[in-house]
């Protein structure tokens, strides 16, 4: 079951990150979280930056609109997306 926390002008989503993948890609929804692969290693927050940039680009938002709220050092993260509704997120990410 997908879980979204909807706030006034943002959405919080659960994300499962797979670092050191062959390429950057948004895989889709699995077990209630958005699965994202990144070719970047999880060093010094670089993988976090890569997934935020990838998601922002896919959603047509500036990079600063996507941030990691919780799980900075974990493969399971909570991301906050500013300026997007739940329906817009589902439409863009599938």
N, C-alpha and C. Protein backbone atom coordinates (compact mmCIF):
# COMPACT_ATOMS: atom_id res chain seq x y z
N UNK A 1 0.84 -1.18 0.00
CA UNK A 1 0.00 0.00 0.00
C UNK A 1 0.88 1.24 0.00
N UNK A 2 0.60 2.17 -0.89
CA UNK A 2 1.37 3.39 -0.98
C UNK A 2 0.94 4.35 0.12
N UNK A 3 1.93 4.94 0.77
CA UNK A 3 1.64 5.90 1.83
C UNK A 3 2.19 7.25 1.44
N UNK A 4 1.32 8.23 1.48
CA UNK A 4 1.71 9.61 1.23
C UNK A 4 1.31 10.42 2.44
N UNK A 5 2.14 11.36 2.81
CA UNK A 5 1.77 12.35 3.81
C UNK A 5 1.63 13.65 3.05
N UNK A 6 0.42 14.16 3.02
CA UNK A 6 0.14 15.35 2.24
C UNK A 6 0.07 16.55 3.17
N UNK A 7 0.88 17.55 2.88
CA UNK A 7 0.88 18.77 3.66
C UNK A 7 0.37 19.90 2.78
N UNK A 8 0.40 21.09 3.28
CA UNK A 8 -0.17 22.23 2.57
C UNK A 8 0.35 22.34 1.13
N UNK A 9 1.64 22.35 0.94
CA UNK A 9 2.18 22.51 -0.41
C UNK A 9 3.25 21.48 -0.74
N UNK A 10 3.21 20.34 -0.02
CA UNK A 10 4.22 19.32 -0.28
C UNK A 10 3.68 17.92 -0.02
N UNK A 11 4.45 16.93 -0.48
CA UNK A 11 4.10 15.53 -0.30
C UNK A 11 5.33 14.83 0.25
N UNK A 12 5.14 13.94 1.22
CA UNK A 12 6.23 13.12 1.74
C UNK A 12 6.02 11.70 1.24
N UNK A 13 7.08 11.09 0.70
CA UNK A 13 6.98 9.73 0.20
C UNK A 13 8.12 8.88 0.74
N UNK A 14 7.88 7.58 0.81
CA UNK A 14 8.91 6.62 1.19
C UNK A 14 9.64 6.20 -0.08
N UNK A 15 10.96 6.11 0.01
CA UNK A 15 11.78 5.75 -1.14
C UNK A 15 12.76 4.67 -0.73
N UNK A 16 12.93 3.68 -1.59
CA UNK A 16 13.94 2.63 -1.41
C UNK A 16 15.02 2.89 -2.44
N UNK A 17 16.24 3.14 -1.98
CA UNK A 17 17.34 3.50 -2.87
C UNK A 17 18.28 2.31 -3.06
N UNK A 18 18.63 2.06 -4.31
CA UNK A 18 19.60 1.03 -4.66
C UNK A 18 20.83 1.76 -5.23
N UNK A 19 21.89 1.93 -4.42
CA UNK A 19 23.09 2.63 -4.91
C UNK A 19 23.97 1.69 -5.75
N UNK A 20 24.96 2.25 -6.41
CA UNK A 20 25.93 1.50 -7.22
C UNK A 20 25.26 0.69 -8.33
N UNK A 21 24.15 1.17 -8.85
CA UNK A 21 23.46 0.48 -9.96
C UNK A 21 24.18 0.82 -11.27
N UNK A 22 23.78 0.17 -12.33
CA UNK A 22 24.42 0.41 -13.62
C UNK A 22 24.03 1.77 -14.21
N UNK A 23 22.85 2.29 -13.80
CA UNK A 23 22.41 3.60 -14.28
C UNK A 23 21.39 4.18 -13.30
N UNK A 24 21.14 5.48 -13.46
CA UNK A 24 20.12 6.15 -12.64
C UNK A 24 18.76 5.90 -13.27
N UNK A 25 17.81 5.42 -12.46
CA UNK A 25 16.46 5.23 -12.97
C UNK A 25 15.45 5.13 -11.84
N UNK A 26 14.24 5.56 -12.14
CA UNK A 26 13.12 5.38 -11.22
C UNK A 26 12.43 4.10 -11.65
N UNK A 27 12.48 3.09 -10.80
CA UNK A 27 11.96 1.77 -11.15
C UNK A 27 10.45 1.74 -11.07
N UNK A 28 9.90 2.30 -10.01
CA UNK A 28 8.45 2.30 -9.82
C UNK A 28 8.10 2.01 -8.37
N UNK A 29 6.83 1.81 -8.13
CA UNK A 29 6.34 1.58 -6.77
C UNK A 29 6.44 0.11 -6.41
N UNK A 30 7.06 -0.18 -5.27
CA UNK A 30 7.21 -1.55 -4.77
C UNK A 30 7.06 -1.53 -3.25
N UNK A 31 6.14 -2.34 -2.74
CA UNK A 31 5.94 -2.50 -1.29
C UNK A 31 5.74 -1.16 -0.59
N UNK A 32 4.98 -0.27 -1.18
CA UNK A 32 4.64 0.99 -0.54
C UNK A 32 5.69 2.08 -0.64
N UNK A 33 6.77 1.83 -1.38
CA UNK A 33 7.82 2.83 -1.52
C UNK A 33 8.20 2.96 -2.99
N UNK A 34 8.70 4.12 -3.35
CA UNK A 34 9.19 4.36 -4.70
C UNK A 34 10.61 3.83 -4.77
N UNK A 35 10.88 2.92 -5.67
CA UNK A 35 12.21 2.33 -5.81
C UNK A 35 13.00 3.12 -6.85
N UNK A 36 14.19 3.60 -6.43
CA UNK A 36 15.05 4.39 -7.30
C UNK A 36 16.45 3.79 -7.28
N UNK A 37 17.01 3.60 -8.47
CA UNK A 37 18.38 3.13 -8.60
C UNK A 37 19.27 4.30 -8.97
N UNK A 38 20.50 4.30 -8.42
CA UNK A 38 21.46 5.33 -8.78
C UNK A 38 22.83 4.71 -8.98
N UNK A 39 23.56 5.23 -9.94
CA UNK A 39 24.91 4.73 -10.23
C UNK A 39 25.92 5.28 -9.23
N UNK A 40 25.52 6.21 -8.42
CA UNK A 40 26.42 6.86 -7.46
C UNK A 40 26.56 6.01 -6.20
N UNK A 41 27.76 5.99 -5.65
CA UNK A 41 28.02 5.28 -4.39
C UNK A 41 27.48 6.11 -3.22
N UNK A 42 27.06 5.43 -2.15
CA UNK A 42 26.50 6.16 -1.00
C UNK A 42 27.60 6.74 -0.10
N UNK A 43 28.34 7.69 -0.63
CA UNK A 43 29.43 8.33 0.12
C UNK A 43 29.16 9.81 0.28
N UNK A 44 29.25 10.29 1.49
CA UNK A 44 29.11 11.73 1.78
C UNK A 44 27.81 12.33 1.25
N UNK A 45 26.75 11.55 1.20
CA UNK A 45 25.47 12.06 0.77
C UNK A 45 25.31 12.21 -0.74
N UNK A 46 26.28 11.72 -1.51
CA UNK A 46 26.22 11.87 -2.97
C UNK A 46 25.05 11.11 -3.58
N UNK A 47 24.75 9.93 -3.07
CA UNK A 47 23.61 9.16 -3.59
C UNK A 47 22.30 9.89 -3.28
N UNK A 48 22.21 10.49 -2.09
CA UNK A 48 21.01 11.26 -1.74
C UNK A 48 20.81 12.42 -2.71
N UNK A 49 21.89 13.13 -3.00
CA UNK A 49 21.81 14.24 -3.94
C UNK A 49 21.40 13.75 -5.32
N UNK A 50 21.94 12.61 -5.73
CA UNK A 50 21.63 12.07 -7.06
C UNK A 50 20.16 11.69 -7.19
N UNK A 51 19.60 11.03 -6.16
CA UNK A 51 18.20 10.63 -6.26
C UNK A 51 17.27 11.84 -6.19
N UNK A 52 17.62 12.83 -5.40
CA UNK A 52 16.80 14.04 -5.33
C UNK A 52 16.82 14.77 -6.68
N UNK A 53 18.00 14.87 -7.30
CA UNK A 53 18.12 15.53 -8.60
C UNK A 53 17.36 14.74 -9.68
N UNK A 54 17.47 13.43 -9.65
CA UNK A 54 16.76 12.58 -10.63
C UNK A 54 15.25 12.74 -10.50
N UNK A 55 14.75 12.68 -9.28
CA UNK A 55 13.32 12.81 -9.06
C UNK A 55 12.83 14.21 -9.43
N UNK A 56 13.59 15.24 -9.07
CA UNK A 56 13.21 16.61 -9.41
C UNK A 56 13.13 16.78 -10.93
N UNK A 57 14.10 16.25 -11.65
CA UNK A 57 14.11 16.35 -13.11
C UNK A 57 12.89 15.65 -13.70
N UNK A 58 12.59 14.45 -13.21
CA UNK A 58 11.45 13.67 -13.72
C UNK A 58 10.13 14.40 -13.47
N UNK A 59 10.05 15.10 -12.33
CA UNK A 59 8.83 15.80 -11.96
C UNK A 59 8.76 17.22 -12.52
N UNK A 60 9.85 17.68 -13.14
CA UNK A 60 9.87 19.04 -13.69
C UNK A 60 9.95 20.11 -12.64
N UNK A 61 10.64 19.80 -11.55
CA UNK A 61 10.78 20.73 -10.43
C UNK A 61 12.24 21.13 -10.26
N UNK A 62 12.51 22.25 -9.59
CA UNK A 62 13.90 22.59 -9.29
C UNK A 62 14.48 21.60 -8.28
N UNK A 63 15.79 21.43 -8.29
CA UNK A 63 16.44 20.47 -7.39
C UNK A 63 16.12 20.74 -5.92
N UNK A 64 16.00 21.98 -5.56
CA UNK A 64 15.74 22.33 -4.15
C UNK A 64 14.35 21.90 -3.68
N UNK A 65 13.47 21.52 -4.60
CA UNK A 65 12.10 21.12 -4.25
C UNK A 65 12.04 19.71 -3.68
N UNK A 66 13.10 18.91 -3.86
CA UNK A 66 13.11 17.53 -3.36
C UNK A 66 14.23 17.40 -2.34
N UNK A 67 13.88 16.94 -1.14
CA UNK A 67 14.90 16.81 -0.09
C UNK A 67 14.65 15.55 0.75
N UNK A 68 15.71 15.08 1.38
CA UNK A 68 15.63 13.91 2.26
C UNK A 68 15.28 14.39 3.66
N UNK A 69 14.15 13.92 4.19
CA UNK A 69 13.74 14.28 5.55
C UNK A 69 14.33 13.32 6.58
N UNK A 70 14.23 12.03 6.29
CA UNK A 70 14.70 11.00 7.21
C UNK A 70 15.39 9.89 6.41
N UNK A 71 16.36 9.25 7.05
CA UNK A 71 17.03 8.11 6.43
C UNK A 71 18.24 8.49 5.61
N UNK A 72 18.95 9.53 6.00
CA UNK A 72 20.11 9.99 5.23
C UNK A 72 21.14 8.88 4.98
N UNK A 73 21.31 7.96 5.92
CA UNK A 73 22.31 6.90 5.77
C UNK A 73 21.68 5.52 5.57
N UNK A 74 20.40 5.48 5.31
CA UNK A 74 19.68 4.22 5.15
C UNK A 74 19.18 4.08 3.71
N UNK A 75 18.99 2.85 3.24
CA UNK A 75 18.40 2.69 1.91
C UNK A 75 16.92 3.07 1.86
N UNK A 76 16.25 3.03 3.01
CA UNK A 76 14.86 3.48 3.10
C UNK A 76 14.86 4.93 3.56
N UNK A 77 14.27 5.80 2.76
CA UNK A 77 14.29 7.23 3.05
C UNK A 77 12.89 7.81 2.97
N UNK A 78 12.72 8.94 3.59
CA UNK A 78 11.51 9.72 3.47
C UNK A 78 11.90 11.00 2.75
N UNK A 79 11.31 11.23 1.59
CA UNK A 79 11.60 12.43 0.82
C UNK A 79 10.43 13.40 0.89
N UNK A 80 10.74 14.68 0.91
CA UNK A 80 9.72 15.72 0.85
C UNK A 80 9.81 16.37 -0.51
N UNK A 81 8.65 16.49 -1.17
CA UNK A 81 8.59 17.10 -2.50
C UNK A 81 7.69 18.33 -2.38
N UNK A 82 8.26 19.49 -2.61
CA UNK A 82 7.54 20.76 -2.52
C UNK A 82 6.88 21.11 -3.85
N UNK A 83 5.70 21.69 -3.77
CA UNK A 83 5.04 22.22 -4.95
C UNK A 83 4.40 21.18 -5.85
N UNK A 84 3.98 20.04 -5.27
CA UNK A 84 3.41 18.97 -6.06
C UNK A 84 2.32 18.29 -5.25
N UNK A 85 1.24 17.93 -5.90
CA UNK A 85 0.17 17.21 -5.22
C UNK A 85 0.38 15.71 -5.39
N UNK A 86 -0.35 14.93 -4.61
CA UNK A 86 -0.27 13.47 -4.69
C UNK A 86 -0.64 12.98 -6.08
N UNK A 87 -1.70 13.53 -6.66
CA UNK A 87 -2.13 13.08 -7.98
C UNK A 87 -1.09 13.42 -9.05
N UNK A 88 -0.47 14.58 -8.95
CA UNK A 88 0.58 14.96 -9.90
C UNK A 88 1.79 14.02 -9.77
N UNK A 89 2.10 13.66 -8.54
CA UNK A 89 3.22 12.74 -8.30
C UNK A 89 2.94 11.38 -8.92
N UNK A 90 1.75 10.86 -8.67
CA UNK A 90 1.37 9.56 -9.24
C UNK A 90 1.40 9.59 -10.78
N UNK A 91 0.94 10.69 -11.34
CA UNK A 91 0.90 10.82 -12.79
C UNK A 91 2.31 10.85 -13.40
N UNK A 92 3.22 11.56 -12.75
CA UNK A 92 4.59 11.71 -13.28
C UNK A 92 5.45 10.47 -13.06
N UNK A 93 5.24 9.78 -11.96
CA UNK A 93 6.11 8.66 -11.60
C UNK A 93 5.45 7.31 -11.92
N UNK A 94 4.18 7.29 -12.09
CA UNK A 94 3.50 6.06 -12.46
C UNK A 94 3.04 5.33 -11.31
